[in-house]
Protein backbone atom coordinates (compact mmCIF):
# COMPACT_ATOMS: atom_id res chain seq x y z
CA UNK A 1 40.68 -79.75 40.02
CA UNK A 2 40.76 -76.10 41.06
CA UNK A 3 43.07 -73.74 39.28
CA UNK A 4 45.02 -70.82 40.74
CA UNK A 5 43.51 -67.56 39.50
CA UNK A 6 45.99 -65.04 38.16
CA UNK A 7 45.29 -61.39 38.82
CA UNK A 8 42.30 -60.43 36.71
CA UNK A 9 40.24 -57.43 37.71
CA UNK A 10 36.85 -58.21 39.21
CA UNK A 11 34.13 -55.60 38.75
CA UNK A 12 30.82 -55.20 40.62
CA UNK A 13 27.73 -55.69 38.46
CA UNK A 14 25.24 -52.99 39.34
CA UNK A 15 23.53 -53.70 42.66
CA UNK A 16 23.69 -57.49 42.33
CA UNK A 17 26.67 -57.99 44.61
CA UNK A 18 28.23 -60.16 41.91
CA UNK A 19 31.85 -59.51 41.03
CA UNK A 20 32.56 -60.47 37.43
CA UNK A 21 35.92 -60.80 35.76
CA UNK A 22 36.51 -57.78 33.53
CA UNK A 23 36.62 -60.17 30.57
CA UNK A 24 33.81 -62.70 30.26
CA UNK A 25 33.39 -65.88 28.23
CA UNK A 26 30.75 -65.53 25.53
CA UNK A 27 29.77 -69.12 24.81
CA UNK A 28 27.98 -68.72 21.49
CA UNK A 29 30.99 -70.21 19.65
CA UNK A 30 30.50 -73.42 21.65
CA UNK A 31 27.30 -73.81 19.65
CA UNK A 32 29.38 -73.77 16.45
CA UNK A 33 27.85 -70.40 15.56
CA UNK A 34 31.08 -69.13 13.98
CA UNK A 35 32.36 -72.50 12.78
CA UNK A 36 32.64 -76.09 14.00
CA UNK A 37 33.86 -76.57 17.59
CA UNK A 38 34.46 -80.08 18.88
CA UNK A 39 33.35 -81.23 22.32
CA UNK A 40 37.01 -81.58 23.32
CA UNK A 41 37.84 -78.03 22.25
CA UNK A 42 34.71 -76.65 23.90
CA UNK A 43 35.58 -78.20 27.27
CA UNK A 44 39.25 -77.22 26.93
CA UNK A 45 38.35 -73.61 26.19
CA UNK A 46 36.17 -73.35 29.29
CA UNK A 47 38.94 -74.85 31.43
CA UNK A 48 41.55 -72.50 29.98
CA UNK A 49 39.33 -69.45 30.44
CA UNK A 50 38.78 -70.34 34.08
CA UNK A 51 42.49 -70.98 34.58
CA UNK A 52 43.24 -67.51 33.27
CA UNK A 53 40.86 -65.95 35.80
CA UNK A 54 37.60 -65.62 33.85
CA UNK A 55 34.68 -66.35 36.17
CA UNK A 56 31.73 -65.18 34.02
CA UNK A 57 30.17 -67.41 31.34
CA UNK A 58 27.27 -66.28 29.13
CA UNK A 59 25.15 -68.48 26.87
CA UNK A 60 21.65 -68.93 25.45
CA UNK A 61 19.41 -71.78 24.27
CA UNK A 62 19.36 -70.00 20.90
CA UNK A 63 23.10 -70.44 20.29
CA UNK A 64 23.56 -73.49 18.14
CA UNK A 65 20.05 -74.71 18.88
CA UNK A 66 20.84 -75.50 22.58
CA UNK A 67 24.32 -76.86 21.72
CA UNK A 68 26.11 -73.96 23.43
CA UNK A 69 24.37 -74.60 26.74
CA UNK A 70 25.15 -78.32 26.56
CA UNK A 71 28.84 -77.75 25.80
CA UNK A 72 29.19 -75.05 28.44
CA UNK A 73 27.54 -77.34 30.98
CA UNK A 74 30.05 -80.07 30.24
CA UNK A 75 32.92 -77.60 30.43
CA UNK A 76 31.83 -76.19 33.78
CA UNK A 77 31.32 -79.68 35.20
CA UNK A 78 34.83 -80.60 34.08
CA UNK A 79 36.27 -77.77 36.17
CA UNK A 80 35.53 -79.70 39.34
CA UNK A 81 35.25 -76.54 41.46
CA UNK A 82 32.54 -75.30 43.85
CA UNK A 83 29.53 -73.71 42.13
CA UNK A 84 30.17 -70.32 43.71
CA UNK A 85 33.50 -70.02 41.88
CA UNK A 86 31.85 -69.11 38.59
CA UNK A 87 28.94 -66.97 37.41
CA UNK A 88 26.60 -68.24 34.70
CA UNK A 89 24.16 -66.27 32.58
CA UNK A 90 21.73 -67.73 30.09
CA UNK A 91 18.73 -66.33 28.25
CA UNK A 92 15.10 -66.96 27.43
CA UNK A 93 12.57 -65.88 24.84
CA UNK A 94 14.64 -66.57 21.70
CA UNK A 95 14.88 -70.08 20.30
CA UNK A 96 15.70 -71.72 16.97
CA UNK A 97 11.98 -72.06 16.34
CA UNK A 98 11.42 -68.34 16.96
CA UNK A 99 10.62 -65.80 19.68
CA UNK A 100 8.29 -66.51 22.60
CA UNK A 101 8.35 -64.23 25.64
CA UNK A 102 5.18 -65.64 27.20
CA UNK A 103 5.23 -66.43 30.91
CA UNK A 104 4.54 -70.09 30.16
CA UNK A 105 7.44 -70.45 27.73
CA UNK A 106 10.08 -68.62 29.74
CA UNK A 107 9.11 -70.56 32.86
CA UNK A 108 9.57 -73.83 30.98
CA UNK A 109 12.72 -72.50 29.35
CA UNK A 110 14.72 -72.13 32.55
CA UNK A 111 14.11 -75.76 33.51
CA UNK A 112 15.34 -76.85 30.08
CA UNK A 113 18.42 -74.64 30.38
CA UNK A 114 19.28 -75.86 33.86
CA UNK A 115 19.14 -79.46 32.64
CA UNK A 116 21.49 -78.71 29.73
CA UNK A 117 23.86 -76.70 31.92
CA UNK A 118 23.74 -79.36 34.65
CA UNK A 119 23.09 -76.65 37.24
CA UNK A 120 20.56 -76.05 40.01
CA UNK A 121 20.34 -72.33 39.28
CA UNK A 122 21.78 -69.65 37.02
CA UNK A 123 23.08 -66.37 38.34
CA UNK A 124 21.42 -64.28 35.61
CA UNK A 125 18.52 -65.04 33.28
CA UNK A 126 18.11 -62.54 30.47
CA UNK A 127 15.26 -61.88 28.05
CA UNK A 128 17.00 -62.39 24.71
CA UNK A 129 16.82 -59.64 22.04
CA UNK A 130 13.63 -58.06 23.27
CA UNK A 131 13.27 -55.76 20.26
CA UNK A 132 11.87 -58.74 18.33
CA UNK A 133 8.98 -59.14 20.74
CA UNK A 134 6.41 -56.84 22.29
CA UNK A 135 8.12 -54.55 24.79
CA UNK A 136 4.84 -54.17 26.65
CA UNK A 137 4.68 -57.97 27.01
CA UNK A 138 8.23 -57.90 28.39
CA UNK A 139 7.15 -55.32 30.97
CA UNK A 140 3.77 -56.78 31.91
CA UNK A 141 4.25 -60.55 31.50
CA UNK A 142 7.85 -61.68 31.02
CA UNK A 143 9.56 -59.74 33.80
CA UNK A 144 6.87 -60.69 36.37
CA UNK A 145 7.34 -64.35 35.36
CA UNK A 146 11.10 -64.05 35.84
CA UNK A 147 10.57 -62.46 39.25
CA UNK A 148 8.66 -65.59 40.27
CA UNK A 149 11.60 -67.73 39.08
CA UNK A 150 13.83 -65.55 41.22
CA UNK A 151 11.63 -66.18 44.25
CA UNK A 152 11.78 -69.92 43.47
CA UNK A 153 15.60 -69.85 43.55
CA UNK A 154 16.08 -70.94 39.95
CA UNK A 155 17.68 -67.63 39.01
CA UNK A 156 19.40 -64.99 41.09
CA UNK A 157 19.06 -61.93 38.89
CA UNK A 158 17.05 -60.70 35.89
CA UNK A 159 18.39 -59.11 32.72
CA UNK A 160 17.34 -57.91 29.26
CA UNK A 161 19.35 -57.85 26.05
CA UNK A 162 18.99 -56.08 22.73
CA UNK A 163 20.72 -54.21 19.92
CA UNK A 164 18.73 -50.93 19.79
CA UNK A 165 19.58 -48.96 22.93
CA UNK A 166 16.08 -47.51 23.15
CA UNK A 167 14.61 -50.84 24.26
CA UNK A 168 16.45 -50.56 27.57
CA UNK A 169 15.03 -47.16 28.49
CA UNK A 170 11.54 -48.22 27.40
CA UNK A 171 11.51 -51.23 29.73
CA UNK A 172 13.43 -49.72 32.65
CA UNK A 173 11.11 -46.71 32.76
CA UNK A 174 8.07 -48.99 33.06
CA UNK A 175 9.05 -51.78 35.46
CA UNK A 176 9.22 -51.40 39.26
CA UNK A 177 12.59 -50.20 40.59
CA UNK A 178 14.95 -53.14 40.97
CA UNK A 179 12.84 -55.46 38.80
CA UNK A 180 15.61 -55.61 36.17
CA UNK A 181 19.12 -56.08 37.55
CA UNK A 182 21.24 -56.21 34.40
CA UNK A 183 21.27 -55.18 30.75
CA UNK A 184 23.44 -56.77 28.08
CA UNK A 185 24.23 -54.55 25.10
CA UNK A 186 26.19 -55.89 22.16
CA UNK A 187 28.11 -54.25 19.32
CA UNK A 188 27.62 -50.82 20.93
CA UNK A 189 30.96 -50.31 22.67
CA UNK A 190 33.77 -50.95 20.21
CA UNK A 191 35.93 -49.06 17.71
CA UNK A 192 33.11 -48.78 15.17
CA UNK A 193 30.25 -47.95 17.54
CA UNK A 194 30.53 -46.51 21.04
CA UNK A 195 26.97 -45.28 21.50
CA UNK A 196 26.49 -47.33 24.67
CA UNK A 197 28.69 -44.80 26.49
CA UNK A 198 25.95 -42.17 26.17
CA UNK A 199 23.50 -44.40 28.03
CA UNK A 200 25.74 -45.28 30.98
CA UNK A 201 24.73 -42.37 33.26
CA UNK A 202 21.05 -43.32 32.83
CA UNK A 203 21.75 -47.00 33.56
CA UNK A 204 23.77 -46.06 36.62
CA UNK A 205 20.89 -43.92 37.88
CA UNK A 206 18.66 -46.99 37.62
CA UNK A 207 21.13 -49.14 39.58
CA UNK A 208 21.41 -51.54 36.64
CA UNK A 209 24.54 -53.55 35.89
CA UNK A 210 25.92 -53.29 32.37
CA UNK A 211 27.47 -56.07 30.30
CA UNK A 212 29.05 -55.02 27.01
CA UNK A 213 29.12 -57.96 24.61
CA UNK A 214 30.59 -58.63 21.18
CA UNK A 215 33.38 -56.00 21.13
CA UNK A 216 34.42 -57.45 17.76
CA UNK A 217 31.00 -56.67 16.29
CA UNK A 218 29.92 -60.30 15.85
CA UNK A 219 33.05 -61.13 13.86
CA UNK A 220 33.02 -58.03 11.65
CA UNK A 221 36.27 -56.73 13.16
CA UNK A 222 38.15 -60.03 13.02
CA UNK A 223 40.68 -61.11 10.43
CA UNK A 224 38.38 -63.90 9.26
CA UNK A 225 35.50 -61.49 8.82
CA UNK A 226 31.84 -61.98 9.76
CA UNK A 227 29.69 -65.05 9.14
CA UNK A 228 27.12 -65.10 6.34
CA UNK A 229 24.23 -64.22 8.65
CA UNK A 230 25.86 -60.96 9.80
CA UNK A 231 23.54 -57.95 9.25
CA UNK A 232 26.26 -55.59 7.99
CA UNK A 233 26.17 -54.39 4.40
CA UNK A 234 28.04 -56.43 1.77
CA UNK A 235 30.52 -53.56 1.40
CA UNK A 236 31.45 -53.63 5.09
CA UNK A 237 31.71 -57.39 5.16
CA UNK A 238 34.30 -57.26 2.39
CA UNK A 239 36.08 -54.12 3.57
CA UNK A 240 35.67 -53.61 7.34
CA UNK A 241 38.29 -50.83 7.16
CA UNK A 242 35.47 -48.67 5.75
CA UNK A 243 33.94 -48.51 9.23
CA UNK A 244 33.74 -44.99 10.56
């Protein structure tokens, strides 16, 4: 069943032509990354997000060891709306077993993701946390492989994600214009760290869409605090008010 969309601002994403809701649905919690989430609650949360006007859903095979993609796929199927009513982004290159940005692995990865998501294509496929791989491999092997997937119709647009902001300029300065459509930066545009703002003019000059993820710093700025795996210092985990 289709839901009426309340007024929620839609914003253009770079030169993609996509119009994303100003608030997106980060689906890592559906993989029980921050605590157990039942199948019922996962599907209900996707339905409620869509009802409230959210049309952008982001996931990765790394989240929960593929569980996030499976749960999101079930939630999107339960919406019962045409495919063009929502925008889906998933990732490649980072898996529970480790990092692999080879052309062979990312090409296989999208087929696995599409099966879990129960989709024929994803709107955006992003290289996941590229700072953990070889940036030259990303430029010379991974991005060309993703461009072939784009030509095959399995993905519509190509993105890269990472924590250090320098990885974006390194790659964007070395790939052909338009080869990368989107960047996803996380934990860099919130009350404790707003350094992404300094990079926005550069990204705009490249025609690249920008997604700002994890405004709560991967749980650090929540009342419950961050999970055990969070990279913050023990002092900040106990006393997040020390953030400057």
